[in-house]
C-alpha atoms as a PDB file:
ATOM      1  CA  MET A   1     290.211  57.529  78.007  1.00  0.00           C
ATOM      2  CA  ARG A   2     289.012  56.006  81.597  1.00  0.00           C
ATOM      3  CA  THR A   3     290.220  52.347  82.085  1.00  0.00           C
ATOM      4  CA  LEU A   4     286.972  49.821  83.020  1.00  0.00           C
ATOM      5  CA  LEU A   5     286.499  48.470  86.069  1.00  0.00           C
ATOM      6  CA  ILE A   6     284.566  45.215  86.538  1.00  0.00           C
ATOM      7  CA  ALA A   7     283.511  45.071  89.980  1.00  0.00           C
ATOM      8  CA  GLY A   8     282.002  41.969  91.741  1.00  0.00           C
ATOM      9  CA  ASN A   9     279.834  42.815  94.498  1.00  0.00           C
ATOM     10  CA  TRP A  10     279.248  39.134  96.404  1.00  0.00           C
ATOM     11  CA  LYS A  11     276.638  40.492  98.878  1.00  0.00           C
ATOM     12  CA  MET A  12     276.217  38.051 101.685  1.00  0.00           C
ATOM     13  CA  ASN A  13     277.471  34.863  99.674  1.00  0.00           C
ATOM     14  CA  ALA A  14     280.673  32.917 100.255  1.00  0.00           C
ATOM     15  CA  GLY A  15     281.989  32.511 103.349  1.00  0.00           C
ATOM     16  CA  PRO A  16     285.559  31.997 103.525  1.00  0.00           C
ATOM     17  CA  THR A  17     286.071  28.486 102.099  1.00  0.00           C
ATOM     18  CA  GLU A  18     283.774  29.182  99.138  1.00  0.00           C
ATOM     19  CA  ALA A  19     285.261  32.294  98.567  1.00  0.00           C
ATOM     20  CA  LYS A  20     288.645  31.107  98.404  1.00  0.00           C
ATOM     21  CA  GLU A  21     287.718  27.868  95.983  1.00  0.00           C
ATOM     22  CA  LEU A  22     285.832  30.886  93.568  1.00  0.00           C
ATOM     23  CA  ALA A  23     288.663  33.712  94.072  1.00  0.00           C
ATOM     24  CA  ASP A  24     290.932  30.760  92.976  1.00  0.00           C
ATOM     25  CA  GLY A  25     289.097  30.145  89.997  1.00  0.00           C
ATOM     26  CA  MET A  26     288.408  33.581  88.987  1.00  0.00           C
ATOM     27  CA  VAL A  27     292.688  33.763  88.928  1.00  0.00           C
ATOM     28  CA  ALA A  28     292.962  30.748  86.863  1.00  0.00           C
ATOM     29  CA  ALA A  29     290.705  32.360  84.488  1.00  0.00           C
ATOM     30  CA  ARG A  30     292.341  35.135  83.441  1.00  0.00           C
ATOM     31  CA  GLN A  31     295.451  33.786  83.876  1.00  0.00           C
ATOM     32  CA  GLY A  32     298.130  35.003  81.101  1.00  0.00           C
ATOM     33  CA  LYS A  33     295.354  37.474  80.257  1.00  0.00           C
ATOM     34  CA  ASP A  34     296.374  41.291  79.662  1.00  0.00           C
ATOM     35  CA  ASP A  35     293.466  42.741  81.404  1.00  0.00           C
ATOM     36  CA  SER A  36     293.445  46.325  80.723  1.00  0.00           C
ATOM     37  CA  SER A  37     290.306  46.823  82.841  1.00  0.00           C
ATOM     38  CA  ASP A  38     290.884  46.806  86.359  1.00  0.00           C
ATOM     39  CA  ILE A  39     289.043  43.836  88.201  1.00  0.00           C
ATOM     40  CA  LEU A  40     287.587  44.375  91.806  1.00  0.00           C
ATOM     41  CA  ILE A  41     285.666  41.576  93.706  1.00  0.00           C
ATOM     42  CA  CYS A  42     283.977  42.848  97.074  1.00  0.00           C
ATOM     43  CA  PRO A  43     283.079  40.113  99.068  1.00  0.00           C
ATOM     44  CA  PRO A  44     281.445  39.682 102.683  1.00  0.00           C
ATOM     45  CA  PHE A  45     283.860  40.782 105.372  1.00  0.00           C
ATOM     46  CA  ILE A  46     284.831  37.567 106.964  1.00  0.00           C
ATOM     47  CA  SER A  47     285.857  36.333 103.455  1.00  0.00           C
ATOM     48  CA  ILE A  48     287.988  38.993 102.589  1.00  0.00           C
ATOM     49  CA  PRO A  49     291.448  37.598 103.789  1.00  0.00           C
ATOM     50  CA  ALA A  50     290.621  34.650 101.643  1.00  0.00           C
ATOM     51  CA  VAL A  51     289.833  36.435  98.228  1.00  0.00           C
ATOM     52  CA  ALA A  52     292.951  38.964  99.511  1.00  0.00           C
ATOM     53  CA  GLU A  53     295.268  35.647  99.994  1.00  0.00           C
ATOM     54  CA  SER A  54     293.929  33.774  96.929  1.00  0.00           C
ATOM     55  CA  PHE A  55     294.770  37.098  94.621  1.00  0.00           C
ATOM     56  CA  SER A  56     297.851  37.868  96.154  1.00  0.00           C
ATOM     57  CA  GLY A  57     300.363  38.181  93.018  1.00  0.00           C
ATOM     58  CA  SER A  58     297.586  38.623  90.268  1.00  0.00           C
ATOM     59  CA  HIS A  59     296.201  42.023  88.466  1.00  0.00           C
ATOM     60  CA  LEU A  60     292.298  40.944  90.755  1.00  0.00           C
ATOM     61  CA  LYS A  61     291.907  43.569  93.544  1.00  0.00           C
ATOM     62  CA  VAL A  62     289.882  42.856  96.840  1.00  0.00           C
ATOM     63  CA  GLY A  63     287.372  45.632  98.007  1.00  0.00           C
ATOM     64  CA  ALA A  64     284.623  46.084 101.009  1.00  0.00           C
ATOM     65  CA  GLN A  65     280.983  46.263 100.564  1.00  0.00           C
ATOM     66  CA  ASN A  66     280.701  48.997 103.591  1.00  0.00           C
ATOM     67  CA  VAL A  67     282.475  50.568 106.409  1.00  0.00           C
ATOM     68  CA  HIS A  68     281.652  52.421 109.450  1.00  0.00           C
ATOM     69  CA  THR A  69     282.733  56.160 109.881  1.00  0.00           C
ATOM     70  CA  GLU A  70     284.833  55.771 112.865  1.00  0.00           C
ATOM     71  CA  ASP A  71     288.372  54.732 113.468  1.00  0.00           C
ATOM     72  CA  ASN A  72     287.417  51.966 116.495  1.00  0.00           C
ATOM     73  CA  GLY A  73     284.946  52.003 119.249  1.00  0.00           C
ATOM     74  CA  ALA A  74     281.988  50.382 121.116  1.00  0.00           C
ATOM     75  CA  PHE A  75     280.523  50.083 117.602  1.00  0.00           C
ATOM     76  CA  THR A  76     279.219  46.240 117.740  1.00  0.00           C
ATOM     77  CA  GLY A  77     279.223  44.242 114.602  1.00  0.00           C
ATOM     78  CA  GLU A  78     280.888  47.175 112.085  1.00  0.00           C
ATOM     79  CA  THR A  79     283.834  47.516 110.638  1.00  0.00           C
ATOM     80  CA  SER A  80     286.864  50.361 110.034  1.00  0.00           C
ATOM     81  CA  THR A  81     288.865  51.660 107.455  1.00  0.00           C
ATOM     82  CA  SER A  82     291.818  50.669 109.083  1.00  0.00           C
ATOM     83  CA  MET A  83     290.946  47.035 109.972  1.00  0.00           C
ATOM     84  CA  LEU A  84     290.176  47.207 105.603  1.00  0.00           C
ATOM     85  CA  ASN A  85     293.378  48.587 105.045  1.00  0.00           C
ATOM     86  CA  ASP A  86     295.003  45.630 107.158  1.00  0.00           C
ATOM     87  CA  THR A  87     293.378  43.385 104.354  1.00  0.00           C
ATOM     88  CA  GLY A  88     294.627  44.528 101.732  1.00  0.00           C
ATOM     89  CA  CYS A  89     291.212  45.945 100.871  1.00  0.00           C
ATOM     90  CA  GLU A  90     291.529  49.106  98.097  1.00  0.00           C
ATOM     91  CA  TYR A  91     287.793  49.823  97.323  1.00  0.00           C
ATOM     92  CA  VAL A  92     285.284  50.581  99.744  1.00  0.00           C
ATOM     93  CA  ILE A  93     281.357  50.369  98.485  1.00  0.00           C
ATOM     94  CA  VAL A  94     278.714  52.933 100.415  1.00  0.00           C
ATOM     95  CA  GLY A  95     275.477  53.812  99.753  1.00  0.00           C
ATOM     96  CA  HIS A  96     274.303  50.695  98.001  1.00  0.00           C
ATOM     97  CA  SER A  97     270.780  50.452  97.688  1.00  0.00           C
ATOM     98  CA  GLU A  98     270.072  47.243  99.942  1.00  0.00           C
ATOM     99  CA  ARG A  99     272.341  49.595 102.847  1.00  0.00           C
ATOM    100  CA  ARG A 100     269.877  52.237 101.328  1.00  0.00           C
ATOM    101  CA  GLU A 101     266.563  50.371 101.858  1.00  0.00           C
ATOM    102  CA  TYR A 102     267.292  47.360 104.395  1.00  0.00           C
ATOM    103  CA  PHE A 103     269.717  49.436 106.813  1.00  0.00           C
ATOM    104  CA  HIS A 104     267.656  53.104 106.433  1.00  0.00           C
ATOM    105  CA  GLU A 105     271.104  54.512 105.375  1.00  0.00           C
ATOM    106  CA  ASP A 106     270.515  58.160 104.515  1.00  0.00           C
ATOM    107  CA  ASP A 107     272.445  60.367 102.161  1.00  0.00           C
ATOM    108  CA  ALA A 108     274.475  62.586 105.247  1.00  0.00           C
ATOM    109  CA  LEU A 109     275.339  59.011 106.562  1.00  0.00           C
ATOM    110  CA  ILE A 110     276.932  58.164 102.708  1.00  0.00           C
ATOM    111  CA  ALA A 111     278.691  61.134 102.511  1.00  0.00           C
ATOM    112  CA  GLN A 112     280.432  60.518 105.682  1.00  0.00           C
ATOM    113  CA  LYS A 113     280.938  57.354 104.538  1.00  0.00           C
ATOM    114  CA  ALA A 114     282.553  58.357 101.218  1.00  0.00           C
ATOM    115  CA  LYS A 115     284.758  61.451 103.113  1.00  0.00           C
ATOM    116  CA  LYS A 116     286.337  58.084 105.482  1.00  0.00           C
ATOM    117  CA  VAL A 117     287.219  55.989 102.998  1.00  0.00           C
ATOM    118  CA  LEU A 118     289.036  58.743 100.968  1.00  0.00           C
ATOM    119  CA  THR A 119     290.910  60.258 104.058  1.00  0.00           C
ATOM    120  CA  ASP A 120     292.133  56.547 104.379  1.00  0.00           C
ATOM    121  CA  ASP A 121     293.245  56.288 101.374  1.00  0.00           C
ATOM    122  CA  LEU A 122     291.227  53.921 100.238  1.00  0.00           C
ATOM    123  CA  LYS A 123     289.239  54.169  96.991  1.00  0.00           C
ATOM    124  CA  VAL A 124     285.161  55.063  97.335  1.00  0.00           C
ATOM    125  CA  ILE A 125     282.494  53.436  94.878  1.00  0.00           C
ATOM    126  CA  VAL A 126     279.037  55.479  95.785  1.00  0.00           C
ATOM    127  CA  CYS A 127     276.066  53.880  94.697  1.00  0.00           C
ATOM    128  CA  VAL A 128     273.477  56.404  93.508  1.00  0.00           C
ATOM    129  CA  GLY A 129     269.781  55.279  91.885  1.00  0.00           C
ATOM    130  CA  GLU A 130     266.080  55.543  91.958  1.00  0.00           C
ATOM    131  CA  LYS A 131     263.191  53.178  92.434  1.00  0.00           C
ATOM    132  CA  LEU A 132     260.171  52.130  90.192  1.00  0.00           C
ATOM    133  CA  GLU A 133     257.984  55.043  91.216  1.00  0.00           C
ATOM    134  CA  ASP A 134     260.508  57.647  90.893  1.00  0.00           C
ATOM    135  CA  ARG A 135     261.192  56.518  87.254  1.00  0.00           C
ATOM    136  CA  LYS A 136     257.820  56.367  86.472  1.00  0.00           C
ATOM    137  CA  SER A 137     256.923  59.579  88.079  1.00  0.00           C
ATOM    138  CA  GLY A 138     259.574  61.608  85.787  1.00  0.00           C
ATOM    139  CA  ASN A 139     261.446  62.008  89.358  1.00  0.00           C
ATOM    140  CA  HIS A 140     264.409  60.027  88.653  1.00  0.00           C
ATOM    141  CA  GLU A 141     266.981  62.698  87.765  1.00  0.00           C
ATOM    142  CA  ASN A 142     266.026  64.790  91.288  1.00  0.00           C
ATOM    143  CA  ILE A 143     266.943  61.661  93.208  1.00  0.00           C
ATOM    144  CA  VAL A 144     269.452  60.823  91.722  1.00  0.00           C
ATOM    145  CA  ARG A 145     271.008  64.729  92.016  1.00  0.00           C
ATOM    146  CA  THR A 146     270.055  64.691  95.588  1.00  0.00           C
ATOM    147  CA  GLN A 147     272.253  61.344  96.465  1.00  0.00           C
ATOM    148  CA  VAL A 148     275.279  62.393  94.050  1.00  0.00           C
ATOM    149  CA  LYS A 149     274.754  66.087  95.533  1.00  0.00           C
ATOM    150  CA  ALA A 150     275.147  65.147  99.612  1.00  0.00           C
ATOM    151  CA  VAL A 151     278.525  63.310  98.540  1.00  0.00           C
ATOM    152  CA  LEU A 152     279.815  66.136  96.757  1.00  0.00           C
ATOM    153  CA  ASP A 153     279.315  68.602  98.983  1.00  0.00           C
ATOM    154  CA  HIS A 154     281.947  66.475 101.521  1.00  0.00           C
ATOM    155  CA  VAL A 155     284.340  65.587  99.332  1.00  0.00           C
ATOM    156  CA  ASP A 156     286.630  67.750  96.933  1.00  0.00           C
ATOM    157  CA  ALA A 157     288.237  67.240  93.396  1.00  0.00           C
ATOM    158  CA  ASN A 158     291.534  66.401  95.267  1.00  0.00           C
ATOM    159  CA  ASN A 159     289.761  62.858  95.539  1.00  0.00           C
ATOM    160  CA  ALA A 160     288.678  62.489  91.772  1.00  0.00           C
ATOM    161  CA  ASP A 161     291.291  59.552  91.184  1.00  0.00           C
ATOM    162  CA  ASN A 162     289.727  57.668  94.193  1.00  0.00           C
ATOM    163  CA  PHE A 163     286.318  58.600  93.016  1.00  0.00           C
ATOM    164  CA  VAL A 164     283.765  55.806  91.388  1.00  0.00           C
ATOM    165  CA  ILE A 165     279.889  56.441  91.223  1.00  0.00           C
ATOM    166  CA  ALA A 166     277.627  53.328  90.767  1.00  0.00           C
ATOM    167  CA  TYR A 167     274.615  53.925  89.198  1.00  0.00           C
ATOM    168  CA  GLU A 168     271.841  51.712  90.107  1.00  0.00           C
ATOM    169  CA  PRO A 169     268.830  51.357  88.846  1.00  0.00           C
ATOM    170  CA  VAL A 170     266.794  50.110  91.709  1.00  0.00           C
ATOM    171  CA  TRP A 171     263.861  48.619  89.968  1.00  0.00           C
ATOM    172  CA  ALA A 172     266.414  46.823  87.455  1.00  0.00           C
ATOM    173  CA  ILE A 173     268.167  44.794  90.869  1.00  0.00           C
ATOM    174  CA  GLY A 174     267.044  41.317  91.035  1.00  0.00           C
ATOM    175  CA  THR A 175     263.864  41.701  89.094  1.00  0.00           C
ATOM    176  CA  GLY A 176     265.216  40.544  85.537  1.00  0.00           C
ATOM    177  CA  GLU A 177     264.775  43.722  84.238  1.00  0.00           C
ATOM    178  CA  THR A 178     267.558  45.687  83.210  1.00  0.00           C
ATOM    179  CA  ALA A 179     267.739  50.094  82.015  1.00  0.00           C
ATOM    180  CA  THR A 180     268.441  49.835  78.629  1.00  0.00           C
ATOM    181  CA  PRO A 181     271.510  51.005  76.909  1.00  0.00           C
ATOM    182  CA  GLU A 182     269.636  54.106  76.077  1.00  0.00           C
ATOM    183  CA  GLN A 183     268.332  54.928  79.615  1.00  0.00           C
ATOM    184  CA  ALA A 184     271.974  53.638  81.284  1.00  0.00           C
ATOM    185  CA  GLN A 185     273.721  56.075  79.088  1.00  0.00           C
ATOM    186  CA  GLU A 186     271.670  59.189  79.634  1.00  0.00           C
ATOM    187  CA  MET A 187     271.554  58.642  83.495  1.00  0.00           C
ATOM    188  CA  HIS A 188     275.647  57.994  83.491  1.00  0.00           C
ATOM    189  CA  GLN A 189     275.789  61.250  80.997  1.00  0.00           C
ATOM    190  CA  PHE A 190     273.382  63.311  83.646  1.00  0.00           C
ATOM    191  CA  ILE A 191     275.914  62.089  86.279  1.00  0.00           C
ATOM    192  CA  ARG A 192     278.874  63.051  84.998  1.00  0.00           C
ATOM    193  CA  SER A 193     277.153  66.775  84.089  1.00  0.00           C
ATOM    194  CA  LEU A 194     276.585  67.124  88.009  1.00  0.00           C
ATOM    195  CA  LEU A 195     280.285  65.816  88.959  1.00  0.00           C
ATOM    196  CA  ALA A 196     281.301  68.388  85.896  1.00  0.00           C
ATOM    197  CA  ASP A 197     279.192  71.088  87.807  1.00  0.00           C
ATOM    198  CA  ALA A 198     280.796  70.810  90.916  1.00  0.00           C
ATOM    199  CA  TRP A 199     284.724  69.877  89.980  1.00  0.00           C
ATOM    200  CA  GLY A 200     284.997  70.847  86.291  1.00  0.00           C
ATOM    201  CA  GLU A 201     284.551  69.163  83.275  1.00  0.00           C
ATOM    202  CA  ASP A 202     288.502  68.127  83.317  1.00  0.00           C
ATOM    203  CA  GLU A 203     287.914  66.642  86.578  1.00  0.00           C
ATOM    204  CA  ALA A 204     284.581  64.896  85.692  1.00  0.00           C
ATOM    205  CA  GLU A 205     286.202  62.909  82.641  1.00  0.00           C
ATOM    206  CA  LYS A 206     288.249  61.213  85.032  1.00  0.00           C
ATOM    207  CA  ILE A 207     285.803  59.651  87.183  1.00  0.00           C
ATOM    208  CA  ARG A 208     284.338  56.485  86.693  1.00  0.00           C
ATOM    209  CA  ILE A 209     280.633  55.868  86.505  1.00  0.00           C
ATOM    210  CA  LEU A 210     279.933  52.126  86.796  1.00  0.00           C
ATOM    211  CA  TYR A 211     276.556  50.190  85.273  1.00  0.00           C
ATOM    212  CA  GLY A 212     275.155  48.624  88.535  1.00  0.00           C
ATOM    213  CA  GLY A 213     271.660  47.097  87.226  1.00  0.00           C
ATOM    214  CA  SER A 214     271.721  43.442  86.917  1.00  0.00           C
ATOM    215  CA  MET A 215     274.467  43.330  84.095  1.00  0.00           C
ATOM    216  CA  LYS A 216     275.573  39.671  83.060  1.00  0.00           C
ATOM    217  CA  PRO A 217     277.346  38.565  79.801  1.00  0.00           C
ATOM    218  CA  ALA A 218     273.876  38.730  77.536  1.00  0.00           C
ATOM    219  CA  ASN A 219     273.416  42.390  78.100  1.00  0.00           C
ATOM    220  CA  ALA A 220     277.456  43.659  79.094  1.00  0.00           C
ATOM    221  CA  GLU A 221     278.561  44.591  75.536  1.00  0.00           C
ATOM    222  CA  GLU A 222     275.656  47.016  74.782  1.00  0.00           C
ATOM    223  CA  LEU A 223     275.653  48.333  78.163  1.00  0.00           C
ATOM    224  CA  LEU A 224     279.739  48.906  78.261  1.00  0.00           C
ATOM    225  CA  SER A 225     279.717  50.203  74.683  1.00  0.00           C
ATOM    226  CA  GLN A 226     278.160  53.310  76.031  1.00  0.00           C
ATOM    227  CA  THR A 227     280.008  56.474  76.361  1.00  0.00           C
ATOM    228  CA  ASP A 228     279.727  57.334  79.879  1.00  0.00           C
ATOM    229  CA  VAL A 229     279.638  53.235  81.062  1.00  0.00           C
ATOM    230  CA  ASP A 230     282.339  53.002  82.634  1.00  0.00           C
ATOM    231  CA  GLY A 231     282.388  49.323  84.136  1.00  0.00           C
ATOM    232  CA  GLY A 232     279.972  47.733  86.013  1.00  0.00           C
ATOM    233  CA  LEU A 233     278.942  46.604  89.807  1.00  0.00           C
ATOM    234  CA  ILE A 234     277.999  43.145  89.090  1.00  0.00           C
ATOM    235  CA  GLY A 235     275.789  41.198  91.240  1.00  0.00           C
ATOM    236  CA  GLY A 236     274.858  37.418  90.593  1.00  0.00           C
ATOM    237  CA  ALA A 237     276.969  37.195  87.277  1.00  0.00           C
ATOM    238  CA  SER A 238     279.949  37.918  89.479  1.00  0.00           C
ATOM    239  CA  LEU A 239     279.228  34.664  91.710  1.00  0.00           C
ATOM    240  CA  LYS A 240     280.357  32.105  89.008  1.00  0.00           C
ATOM    241  CA  ALA A 241     284.199  32.955  87.825  1.00  0.00           C
ATOM    242  CA  GLU A 242     283.194  32.048  84.266  1.00  0.00           C
ATOM    243  CA  SER A 243     280.265  34.512  83.972  1.00  0.00           C
ATOM    244  CA  PHE A 244     282.488  36.751  85.531  1.00  0.00           C
ATOM    245  CA  SER A 245     285.191  36.141  83.400  1.00  0.00           C
ATOM    246  CA  ASP A 246     283.048  36.540  80.498  1.00  0.00           C
ATOM    247  CA  ILE A 247     282.493  39.866  81.029  1.00  0.00           C
ATOM    248  CA  ILE A 248     285.918  40.539  81.477  1.00  0.00           C
ATOM    249  CA  ASP A 249     286.368  39.892  78.477  1.00  0.00           C
ATOM    250  CA  ILE A 250     283.510  41.254  76.518  1.00  0.00           C
ATOM    251  CA  ALA A 251     284.987  44.780  78.316  1.00  0.00           C
ATOM    252  CA  GLU A 252     288.652  43.679  77.360  1.00  0.00           C
ATOM    253  CA  SER A 253     286.820  43.412  73.738  1.00  0.00           C
ATOM    254  CA  ILE A 254     285.340  47.183  73.713  1.00  0.00           C
END
């Protein structure tokens, strides 16, 4: 049985002061609750120390939204895995659809980042997903297969315990659209089949596959109830302690 992972991606929101207040609210909301799910928040780089301070002594974890492939050097504006380890991060998101779209990160770079994260004792959340035109043309599985395979070609099954995939139907992010539970399950099952082909069924069964397409309290139960949906990578609903906590409560009830 895979442990659910409820992960919040704050994107470019919440500087240190606001992040500390929001993180404190999340700790308070989970106080006294014996959560069996893993709970994670990925704030902007500048707010990671504030969130880590708030989460200290709690069961909530902190992660990062991106990382560079090198340890250090003349890479203005970048952040390394060693820096993230030093701040108390446990997870790193790589390949988010916004990084692919706005910053032109390709499959090869994302694979490099994933390998670097795992090599340096962090857990990685690799984002994959198709755009609306790919879904409409029936090319969505080919797109996702290519994205997943690019990473699996550089990472081996020994990393399964620290490897997470987040499926983002890009057409359902920030649009108010959501993939139906059946569509989500179909793609998550397909992704697990790719993992099984590469690493074997036993290892594939260990890997958590998150749904990353506008999960919120109103749709969390039907999505999280799907066999191969092992949690959520949550954007807007993670920017309010109450709504994020509501999603955790739903996960705990399943």
